[in-house]
Amino acid sequence: MSMPKKVDARGLSCPQPVIVTKKALETSKEDLEVLVDNTTARDNIVRFAKNLGCKTEVVEQGQDFIIKVMR
């Protein structure tokens, strides 16, 4: 099992977190871990991933969120 690709989208304003997530999914066949620092980005990435048919899991870590996107 390969390690998920990690994407740090902290500090980015919408729609940038979704755009970097989309690019990462297009360029890699691996699962992703996306790091964001606000609930709007978290919700938008979860919605985007689910629309693509991916499963998601969110872990809150301090003030950040780790979104696991599984194909």
PDB file of N, CA and C in Angstrom:
ATOM      1  N   MET A   1       0.847  -1.181   0.000  1.00  0.00           N
ATOM      2  CA  MET A   1       0.000   0.000   0.000  1.00  0.00           C
ATOM      3  C   MET A   1       0.893   1.245   0.000  1.00  0.00           C
ATOM      4  N   SER A   2       0.657   2.143  -0.936  1.00  0.00           N
ATOM      5  CA  SER A   2       1.505   3.326  -1.037  1.00  0.00           C
ATOM      6  C   SER A   2       1.024   4.418  -0.087  1.00  0.00           C
ATOM      7  N   MET A   3       1.951   5.302   0.239  1.00  0.00           N
ATOM      8  CA  MET A   3       1.620   6.422   1.114  1.00  0.00           C
ATOM      9  C   MET A   3       0.797   7.441   0.327  1.00  0.00           C
ATOM     10  N   PRO A   4      -0.177   8.062   0.986  1.00  0.00           N
ATOM     11  CA  PRO A   4      -0.964   9.076   0.279  1.00  0.00           C
ATOM     12  C   PRO A   4      -0.121  10.306  -0.040  1.00  0.00           C
ATOM     13  N   LYS A   5      -0.447  10.929  -1.143  1.00  0.00           N
ATOM     14  CA  LYS A   5       0.210  12.184  -1.512  1.00  0.00           C
ATOM     15  C   LYS A   5      -0.315  13.268  -0.578  1.00  0.00           C
ATOM     16  N   LYS A   6       0.563  14.148  -0.109  1.00  0.00           N
ATOM     17  CA  LYS A   6       0.163  15.198   0.828  1.00  0.00           C
ATOM     18  C   LYS A   6       0.118  16.551   0.119  1.00  0.00           C
ATOM     19  N   VAL A   7      -0.954  17.290   0.387  1.00  0.00           N
ATOM     20  CA  VAL A   7      -1.146  18.615  -0.189  1.00  0.00           C
ATOM     21  C   VAL A   7      -1.410  19.588   0.957  1.00  0.00           C
ATOM     22  N   ASP A   8      -0.610  20.639   1.047  1.00  0.00           N
ATOM     23  CA  ASP A   8      -0.791  21.652   2.086  1.00  0.00           C
ATOM     24  C   ASP A   8      -1.501  22.855   1.477  1.00  0.00           C
ATOM     25  N   ALA A   9      -2.780  23.016   1.822  1.00  0.00           N
ATOM     26  CA  ALA A   9      -3.571  24.125   1.287  1.00  0.00           C
ATOM     27  C   ALA A   9      -3.914  25.139   2.384  1.00  0.00           C
ATOM     28  N   ARG A  10      -3.149  25.122   3.466  1.00  0.00           N
ATOM     29  CA  ARG A  10      -3.392  26.085   4.544  1.00  0.00           C
ATOM     30  C   ARG A  10      -3.069  27.494   4.054  1.00  0.00           C
ATOM     31  N   GLY A  11      -3.871  28.442   4.507  1.00  0.00           N
ATOM     32  CA  GLY A  11      -3.632  29.840   4.166  1.00  0.00           C
ATOM     33  C   GLY A  11      -4.168  30.255   2.808  1.00  0.00           C
ATOM     34  N   LEU A  12      -4.701  29.311   2.059  1.00  0.00           N
ATOM     35  CA  LEU A  12      -5.250  29.641   0.741  1.00  0.00           C
ATOM     36  C   LEU A  12      -6.723  30.004   0.877  1.00  0.00           C
ATOM     37  N   SER A  13      -7.159  30.990   0.103  1.00  0.00           N
ATOM     38  CA  SER A  13      -8.569  31.361   0.125  1.00  0.00           C
ATOM     39  C   SER A  13      -9.289  30.649  -1.012  1.00  0.00           C
ATOM     40  N   CYS A  14     -10.582  30.464  -0.830  1.00  0.00           N
ATOM     41  CA  CYS A  14     -11.388  29.774  -1.838  1.00  0.00           C
ATOM     42  C   CYS A  14     -11.350  30.562  -3.139  1.00  0.00           C
ATOM     43  N   PRO A  15     -11.298  29.869  -4.244  1.00  0.00           N
ATOM     44  CA  PRO A  15     -11.417  28.419  -4.430  1.00  0.00           C
ATOM     45  C   PRO A  15     -10.081  27.675  -4.492  1.00  0.00           C
ATOM     46  N   GLN A  16      -8.989  28.304  -4.109  1.00  0.00           N
ATOM     47  CA  GLN A  16      -7.661  27.703  -4.267  1.00  0.00           C
ATOM     48  C   GLN A  16      -7.512  26.303  -3.653  1.00  0.00           C
ATOM     49  N   PRO A  17      -8.007  26.032  -2.429  1.00  0.00           N
ATOM     50  CA  PRO A  17      -7.830  24.677  -1.884  1.00  0.00           C
ATOM     51  C   PRO A  17      -8.446  23.589  -2.772  1.00  0.00           C
ATOM     52  N   VAL A  18      -9.604  23.881  -3.356  1.00  0.00           N
ATOM     53  CA  VAL A  18     -10.238  22.899  -4.248  1.00  0.00           C
ATOM     54  C   VAL A  18      -9.421  22.758  -5.530  1.00  0.00           C
ATOM     55  N   ILE A  19      -8.890  23.848  -6.042  1.00  0.00           N
ATOM     56  CA  ILE A  19      -8.095  23.803  -7.276  1.00  0.00           C
ATOM     57  C   ILE A  19      -6.829  22.972  -7.082  1.00  0.00           C
ATOM     58  N   VAL A  20      -6.114  23.173  -5.965  1.00  0.00           N
ATOM     59  CA  VAL A  20      -4.894  22.382  -5.751  1.00  0.00           C
ATOM     60  C   VAL A  20      -5.229  20.914  -5.498  1.00  0.00           C
ATOM     61  N   THR A  21      -6.374  20.651  -4.868  1.00  0.00           N
ATOM     62  CA  THR A  21      -6.815  19.265  -4.672  1.00  0.00           C
ATOM     63  C   THR A  21      -7.127  18.623  -6.019  1.00  0.00           C
ATOM     64  N   LYS A  22      -7.830  19.351  -6.880  1.00  0.00           N
ATOM     65  CA  LYS A  22      -8.175  18.845  -8.215  1.00  0.00           C
ATOM     66  C   LYS A  22      -6.914  18.527  -9.009  1.00  0.00           C
ATOM     67  N   LYS A  23      -5.936  19.431  -8.992  1.00  0.00           N
ATOM     68  CA  LYS A  23      -4.683  19.199  -9.725  1.00  0.00           C
ATOM     69  C   LYS A  23      -3.946  17.982  -9.184  1.00  0.00           C
ATOM     70  N   ALA A  24      -3.924  17.830  -7.869  1.00  0.00           N
ATOM     71  CA  ALA A  24      -3.243  16.682  -7.265  1.00  0.00           C
ATOM     72  C   ALA A  24      -3.926  15.376  -7.651  1.00  0.00           C
ATOM     73  N   LEU A  25      -5.245  15.370  -7.703  1.00  0.00           N
ATOM     74  CA  LEU A  25      -5.972  14.164  -8.102  1.00  0.00           C
ATOM     75  C   LEU A  25      -5.744  13.842  -9.579  1.00  0.00           C
ATOM     76  N   GLU A  26      -5.598  14.870 -10.396  1.00  0.00           N
ATOM     77  CA  GLU A  26      -5.380  14.662 -11.831  1.00  0.00           C
ATOM     78  C   GLU A  26      -3.976  14.142 -12.132  1.00  0.00           C
ATOM     79  N   THR A  27      -3.010  14.480 -11.296  1.00  0.00           N
ATOM     80  CA  THR A  27      -1.622  14.120 -11.587  1.00  0.00           C
ATOM     81  C   THR A  27      -1.132  12.901 -10.822  1.00  0.00           C
ATOM     82  N   SER A  28      -1.987  12.324  -9.987  1.00  0.00           N
ATOM     83  CA  SER A  28      -1.560  11.181  -9.189  1.00  0.00           C
ATOM     84  C   SER A  28      -2.694  10.177  -9.058  1.00  0.00           C
ATOM     85  N   LYS A  29      -2.349   8.912  -9.045  1.00  0.00           N
ATOM     86  CA  LYS A  29      -3.345   7.856  -8.843  1.00  0.00           C
ATOM     87  C   LYS A  29      -3.455   7.477  -7.369  1.00  0.00           C
ATOM     88  N   GLU A  30      -2.599   8.094  -6.539  1.00  0.00           N
ATOM     89  CA  GLU A  30      -2.577   7.776  -5.114  1.00  0.00           C
ATOM     90  C   GLU A  30      -3.710   8.486  -4.381  1.00  0.00           C
ATOM     91  N   ASP A  31      -4.005   7.993  -3.170  1.00  0.00           N
ATOM     92  CA  ASP A  31      -4.910   8.712  -2.290  1.00  0.00           C
ATOM     93  C   ASP A  31      -4.238  10.019  -1.884  1.00  0.00           C
ATOM     94  N   LEU A  32      -5.030  10.947  -1.364  1.00  0.00           N
ATOM     95  CA  LEU A  32      -4.501  12.251  -0.956  1.00  0.00           C
ATOM     96  C   LEU A  32      -4.754  12.507   0.520  1.00  0.00           C
ATOM     97  N   GLU A  33      -3.894  13.311   1.104  1.00  0.00           N
ATOM     98  CA  GLU A  33      -4.153  13.934   2.397  1.00  0.00           C
ATOM     99  C   GLU A  33      -4.015  15.428   2.164  1.00  0.00           C
ATOM    100  N   VAL A  34      -5.118  16.146   2.352  1.00  0.00           N
ATOM    101  CA  VAL A  34      -5.123  17.586   2.123  1.00  0.00           C
ATOM    102  C   VAL A  34      -5.211  18.285   3.475  1.00  0.00           C
ATOM    103  N   LEU A  35      -4.297  19.199   3.719  1.00  0.00           N
ATOM    104  CA  LEU A  35      -4.248  19.946   4.970  1.00  0.00           C
ATOM    105  C   LEU A  35      -4.823  21.338   4.734  1.00  0.00           C
ATOM    106  N   VAL A  36      -5.881  21.678   5.473  1.00  0.00           N
ATOM    107  CA  VAL A  36      -6.495  23.005   5.370  1.00  0.00           C
ATOM    108  C   VAL A  36      -6.664  23.591   6.768  1.00  0.00           C
ATOM    109  N   ASP A  37      -6.920  24.900   6.815  1.00  0.00           N
ATOM    110  CA  ASP A  37      -7.010  25.563   8.114  1.00  0.00           C
ATOM    111  C   ASP A  37      -8.327  26.302   8.340  1.00  0.00           C
ATOM    112  N   ASN A  38      -9.351  25.966   7.539  1.00  0.00           N
ATOM    113  CA  ASN A  38     -10.657  26.583   7.792  1.00  0.00           C
ATOM    114  C   ASN A  38     -11.783  25.652   7.364  1.00  0.00           C
ATOM    115  N   THR A  39     -12.945  25.858   7.986  1.00  0.00           N
ATOM    116  CA  THR A  39     -14.067  24.945   7.755  1.00  0.00           C
ATOM    117  C   THR A  39     -14.647  25.068   6.352  1.00  0.00           C
ATOM    118  N   THR A  40     -14.584  26.251   5.754  1.00  0.00           N
ATOM    119  CA  THR A  40     -15.110  26.414   4.395  1.00  0.00           C
ATOM    120  C   THR A  40     -14.310  25.567   3.411  1.00  0.00           C
ATOM    121  N   ALA A  41     -12.989  25.633   3.499  1.00  0.00           N
ATOM    122  CA  ALA A  41     -12.141  24.820   2.622  1.00  0.00           C
ATOM    123  C   ALA A  41     -12.383  23.338   2.880  1.00  0.00           C
ATOM    124  N   ARG A  42     -12.493  22.959   4.151  1.00  0.00           N
ATOM    125  CA  ARG A  42     -12.765  21.558   4.500  1.00  0.00           C
ATOM    126  C   ARG A  42     -14.046  21.087   3.824  1.00  0.00           C
ATOM    127  N   ASP A  43     -15.124  21.843   4.001  1.00  0.00           N
ATOM    128  CA  ASP A  43     -16.418  21.447   3.448  1.00  0.00           C
ATOM    129  C   ASP A  43     -16.393  21.396   1.923  1.00  0.00           C
ATOM    130  N   ASN A  44     -15.745  22.371   1.289  1.00  0.00           N
ATOM    131  CA  ASN A  44     -15.688  22.405  -0.176  1.00  0.00           C
ATOM    132  C   ASN A  44     -14.890  21.237  -0.743  1.00  0.00           C
ATOM    133  N   ILE A  45     -13.781  20.878  -0.101  1.00  0.00           N
ATOM    134  CA  ILE A  45     -12.973  19.755  -0.587  1.00  0.00           C
ATOM    135  C   ILE A  45     -13.711  18.439  -0.394  1.00  0.00           C
ATOM    136  N   VAL A  46     -14.369  18.275   0.747  1.00  0.00           N
ATOM    137  CA  VAL A  46     -15.151  17.052   0.982  1.00  0.00           C
ATOM    138  C   VAL A  46     -16.246  16.929  -0.076  1.00  0.00           C
ATOM    139  N   ARG A  47     -16.956  18.016  -0.348  1.00  0.00           N
ATOM    140  CA  ARG A  47     -18.028  17.997  -1.353  1.00  0.00           C
ATOM    141  C   ARG A  47     -17.462  17.685  -2.741  1.00  0.00           C
ATOM    142  N   PHE A  48     -16.358  18.330  -3.094  1.00  0.00           N
ATOM    143  CA  PHE A  48     -15.720  18.105  -4.393  1.00  0.00           C
ATOM    144  C   PHE A  48     -15.309  16.642  -4.552  1.00  0.00           C
ATOM    145  N   ALA A  49     -14.657  16.085  -3.537  1.00  0.00           N
ATOM    146  CA  ALA A  49     -14.188  14.699  -3.605  1.00  0.00           C
ATOM    147  C   ALA A  49     -15.356  13.726  -3.721  1.00  0.00           C
ATOM    148  N   LYS A  50     -16.407  13.964  -2.963  1.00  0.00           N
ATOM    149  CA  LYS A  50     -17.573  13.071  -3.023  1.00  0.00           C
ATOM    150  C   LYS A  50     -18.243  13.139  -4.390  1.00  0.00           C
ATOM    151  N   ASN A  51     -18.258  14.325  -5.010  1.00  0.00           N
ATOM    152  CA  ASN A  51     -18.820  14.456  -6.355  1.00  0.00           C
ATOM    153  C   ASN A  51     -18.024  13.656  -7.380  1.00  0.00           C
ATOM    154  N   LEU A  52     -16.739  13.414  -7.094  1.00  0.00           N
ATOM    155  CA  LEU A  52     -15.900  12.593  -7.971  1.00  0.00           C
ATOM    156  C   LEU A  52     -16.016  11.104  -7.652  1.00  0.00           C
ATOM    157  N   GLY A  53     -16.789  10.776  -6.623  1.00  0.00           N
ATOM    158  CA  GLY A  53     -16.945   9.382  -6.237  1.00  0.00           C
ATOM    159  C   GLY A  53     -15.894   8.895  -5.253  1.00  0.00           C
ATOM    160  N   CYS A  54     -15.137   9.806  -4.672  1.00  0.00           N
ATOM    161  CA  CYS A  54     -14.111   9.440  -3.687  1.00  0.00           C
ATOM    162  C   CYS A  54     -14.723   9.393  -2.292  1.00  0.00           C
ATOM    163  N   LYS A  55     -14.109   8.600  -1.437  1.00  0.00           N
ATOM    164  CA  LYS A  55     -14.490   8.582  -0.027  1.00  0.00           C
ATOM    165  C   LYS A  55     -13.600   9.579   0.700  1.00  0.00           C
ATOM    166  N   THR A  56     -14.132  10.167   1.764  1.00  0.00           N
ATOM    167  CA  THR A  56     -13.349  11.135   2.529  1.00  0.00           C
ATOM    168  C   THR A  56     -13.429  10.830   4.019  1.00  0.00           C
ATOM    169  N   GLU A  57     -12.401  11.252   4.706  1.00  0.00           N
ATOM    170  CA  GLU A  57     -12.351  11.164   6.163  1.00  0.00           C
ATOM    171  C   GLU A  57     -11.656  12.430   6.647  1.00  0.00           C
ATOM    172  N   VAL A  58     -12.247  13.088   7.639  1.00  0.00           N
ATOM    173  CA  VAL A  58     -11.685  14.340   8.146  1.00  0.00           C
ATOM    174  C   VAL A  58     -11.202  14.139   9.576  1.00  0.00           C
ATOM    175  N   VAL A  59      -9.972  14.567   9.828  1.00  0.00           N
ATOM    176  CA  VAL A  59      -9.393  14.526  11.170  1.00  0.00           C
ATOM    177  C   VAL A  59      -9.038  15.953  11.559  1.00  0.00           C
ATOM    178  N   GLU A  60      -9.515  16.373  12.725  1.00  0.00           N
ATOM    179  CA  GLU A  60      -9.180  17.712  13.217  1.00  0.00           C
ATOM    180  C   GLU A  60      -7.895  17.617  14.021  1.00  0.00           C
ATOM    181  N   GLN A  61      -6.942  18.475  13.693  1.00  0.00           N
ATOM    182  CA  GLN A  61      -5.644  18.461  14.368  1.00  0.00           C
ATOM    183  C   GLN A  61      -5.310  19.896  14.769  1.00  0.00           C
ATOM    184  N   GLY A  62      -5.609  20.226  16.018  1.00  0.00           N
ATOM    185  CA  GLY A  62      -5.422  21.604  16.459  1.00  0.00           C
ATOM    186  C   GLY A  62      -6.371  22.508  15.704  1.00  0.00           C
ATOM    187  N   GLN A  63      -5.817  23.516  15.030  1.00  0.00           N
ATOM    188  CA  GLN A  63      -6.649  24.431  14.247  1.00  0.00           C
ATOM    189  C   GLN A  63      -6.748  24.009  12.785  1.00  0.00           C
ATOM    190  N   ASP A  64      -6.117  22.908  12.435  1.00  0.00           N
ATOM    191  CA  ASP A  64      -6.101  22.430  11.054  1.00  0.00           C
ATOM    192  C   ASP A  64      -7.004  21.213  10.891  1.00  0.00           C
ATOM    193  N   PHE A  65      -7.309  20.915   9.638  1.00  0.00           N
ATOM    194  CA  PHE A  65      -8.070  19.724   9.283  1.00  0.00           C
ATOM    195  C   PHE A  65      -7.260  18.929   8.269  1.00  0.00           C
ATOM    196  N   ILE A  66      -7.179  17.624   8.491  1.00  0.00           N
ATOM    197  CA  ILE A  66      -6.564  16.727   7.516  1.00  0.00           C
ATOM    198  C   ILE A  66      -7.710  15.990   6.840  1.00  0.00           C
ATOM    199  N   ILE A  67      -7.818  16.174   5.538  1.00  0.00           N
ATOM    200  CA  ILE A  67      -8.869  15.517   4.766  1.00  0.00           C
ATOM    201  C   ILE A  67      -8.225  14.388   3.986  1.00  0.00           C
ATOM    202  N   LYS A  68      -8.617  13.169   4.305  1.00  0.00           N
ATOM    203  CA  LYS A  68      -8.121  12.009   3.571  1.00  0.00           C
ATOM    204  C   LYS A  68      -9.091  11.753   2.429  1.00  0.00           C
ATOM    205  N   VAL A  69      -8.568  11.780   1.216  1.00  0.00           N
ATOM    206  CA  VAL A  69      -9.369  11.542   0.019  1.00  0.00           C
ATOM    207  C   VAL A  69      -8.941  10.193  -0.537  1.00  0.00           C
ATOM    208  N   MET A  70      -9.878   9.233  -0.507  1.00  0.00           N
ATOM    209  CA  MET A  70      -9.571   7.870  -0.935  1.00  0.00           C
ATOM    210  C   MET A  70     -10.345   7.537  -2.200  1.00  0.00           C
ATOM    211  N   ARG A  71      -9.619   7.052  -3.166  1.00  0.00           N
ATOM    212  CA  ARG A  71     -10.225   6.710  -4.462  1.00  0.00           C
ATOM    213  C   ARG A  71     -11.003   5.430  -4.388  1.00  0.00           C
TER     214      ARG A  71
END
